[in-house]
Structures are given as C-alpha cells and as structure tokens.
Amino acid sequence: MAREQHPSETERARRLAEVFGDVLPDTTSDERRSGSTGDEPEGRDESERWYRENRPPHHDPS
C-alpha cells in the first residue's frame, strides 16, 4: 500500500493562491490612505472632507 503524501502548508497555500488568486487584500480600504494630506483621519473620503470643511462654526469641536 502506497503512503499518501501530504503537501506542506506552504505548498498548499501556494497551490490555493495559484488556483484562486489572492481572495483578500492585505489591508482594507479604510486602512489605506488614498490622496490624504496627512492632516485628516484615515479612511475619510471626499464627501466627508466636504462636510468637515463646510461645517458651521457652532459645530466645531471645543
């Protein structure tokens, strides 16, 4: 009876990536900075920036 060979975890992961590709990104979109100036919180998009820039003075944080 022949012994069944089990692939190593690395080989298994390589084969899965070869067949299915990278299913999940390393970081999510809210963890990445895209076009940020560095002075705004991470994960903020253009619409949120507009609302912050046009916020009435009585809504500014103290």
C-alpha atoms as a PDB file:
ATOM      1  CA  MET A   1       0.000   0.000   0.000  1.00  0.00           C
ATOM      2  CA  ALA A   2       1.480   3.346  -1.035  1.00  0.00           C
ATOM      3  CA  ARG A   3       1.890   6.121   1.522  1.00  0.00           C
ATOM      4  CA  GLU A   4      -0.201   9.180   0.863  1.00  0.00           C
ATOM      5  CA  GLN A   5       1.957  12.290   0.761  1.00  0.00           C
ATOM      6  CA  HIS A   6       0.619  15.448   2.351  1.00  0.00           C
ATOM      7  CA  PRO A   7       1.837  18.753   0.915  1.00  0.00           C
ATOM      8  CA  SER A   8       3.432  21.207   3.294  1.00  0.00           C
ATOM      9  CA  GLU A   9       1.372  24.174   4.448  1.00  0.00           C
ATOM     10  CA  THR A  10       3.473  26.469   2.250  1.00  0.00           C
ATOM     11  CA  GLU A  11       2.907  24.306  -0.802  1.00  0.00           C
ATOM     12  CA  ARG A  12      -0.802  24.098  -0.051  1.00  0.00           C
ATOM     13  CA  ALA A  13      -1.058  27.892   0.287  1.00  0.00           C
ATOM     14  CA  ARG A  14       0.900  28.369  -2.950  1.00  0.00           C
ATOM     15  CA  ARG A  15      -1.410  25.983  -4.789  1.00  0.00           C
ATOM     16  CA  LEU A  16      -4.546  27.664  -3.444  1.00  0.00           C
ATOM     17  CA  ALA A  17      -3.214  31.092  -4.471  1.00  0.00           C
ATOM     18  CA  GLU A  18      -2.350  29.715  -7.906  1.00  0.00           C
ATOM     19  CA  VAL A  19      -5.875  28.379  -8.386  1.00  0.00           C
ATOM     20  CA  PHE A  20      -7.971  31.072  -6.721  1.00  0.00           C
ATOM     21  CA  GLY A  21      -5.682  34.104  -6.620  1.00  0.00           C
ATOM     22  CA  ASP A  22      -5.489  36.446  -3.666  1.00  0.00           C
ATOM     23  CA  VAL A  23      -9.005  36.438  -2.295  1.00  0.00           C
ATOM     24  CA  LEU A  24      -8.489  39.028   0.417  1.00  0.00           C
ATOM     25  CA  PRO A  25      -6.269  42.110   0.242  1.00  0.00           C
ATOM     26  CA  ASP A  26      -3.574  42.664   2.860  1.00  0.00           C
ATOM     27  CA  THR A  27      -5.338  45.818   4.058  1.00  0.00           C
ATOM     28  CA  THR A  28      -8.890  47.046   3.774  1.00  0.00           C
ATOM     29  CA  SER A  29      -9.835  50.303   2.085  1.00  0.00           C
ATOM     30  CA  ASP A  30     -10.389  52.067   5.405  1.00  0.00           C
ATOM     31  CA  GLU A  31      -6.843  51.171   6.497  1.00  0.00           C
ATOM     32  CA  ARG A  32      -5.252  52.648   3.366  1.00  0.00           C
ATOM     33  CA  ARG A  33      -4.644  56.302   2.755  1.00  0.00           C
ATOM     34  CA  SER A  34      -5.531  57.427  -0.733  1.00  0.00           C
ATOM     35  CA  GLY A  35      -4.683  61.000  -1.616  1.00  0.00           C
ATOM     36  CA  SER A  36      -4.674  62.036   2.002  1.00  0.00           C
ATOM     37  CA  THR A  37      -2.801  65.150   3.064  1.00  0.00           C
ATOM     38  CA  GLY A  38      -1.879  63.583   6.373  1.00  0.00           C
ATOM     39  CA  ASP A  39      -3.894  66.001   8.496  1.00  0.00           C
ATOM     40  CA  GLU A  40      -7.153  64.108   8.223  1.00  0.00           C
ATOM     41  CA  PRO A  41      -8.137  60.819   9.848  1.00  0.00           C
ATOM     42  CA  GLU A  42      -7.547  57.656   7.871  1.00  0.00           C
ATOM     43  CA  GLY A  43     -10.459  56.246   5.913  1.00  0.00           C
ATOM     44  CA  ARG A  44     -12.174  59.565   5.194  1.00  0.00           C
ATOM     45  CA  ASP A  45     -13.496  60.063   1.699  1.00  0.00           C
ATOM     46  CA  GLU A  46     -14.126  63.217  -0.318  1.00  0.00           C
ATOM     47  CA  SER A  47     -17.734  63.668   0.803  1.00  0.00           C
ATOM     48  CA  GLU A  48     -16.736  63.574   4.459  1.00  0.00           C
ATOM     49  CA  ARG A  49     -13.986  66.101   3.784  1.00  0.00           C
ATOM     50  CA  TRP A  50     -16.541  68.426   2.167  1.00  0.00           C
ATOM     51  CA  TYR A  51     -18.812  68.188   5.212  1.00  0.00           C
ATOM     52  CA  ARG A  52     -15.933  68.916   7.586  1.00  0.00           C
ATOM     53  CA  GLU A  53     -14.780  71.924   5.516  1.00  0.00           C
ATOM     54  CA  ASN A  54     -18.320  73.332   5.326  1.00  0.00           C
ATOM     55  CA  ARG A  55     -19.332  72.637   8.924  1.00  0.00           C
ATOM     56  CA  PRO A  56     -20.939  75.658  10.628  1.00  0.00           C
ATOM     57  CA  PRO A  57     -18.746  77.282  13.308  1.00  0.00           C
ATOM     58  CA  HIS A  58     -21.139  76.363  16.119  1.00  0.00           C
ATOM     59  CA  HIS A  59     -20.498  72.672  15.308  1.00  0.00           C
ATOM     60  CA  ASP A  60     -16.711  72.908  15.662  1.00  0.00           C
ATOM     61  CA  PRO A  61     -15.304  70.718  18.418  1.00  0.00           C
ATOM     62  CA  SER A  62     -14.294  72.644  21.513  1.00  0.00           C
END
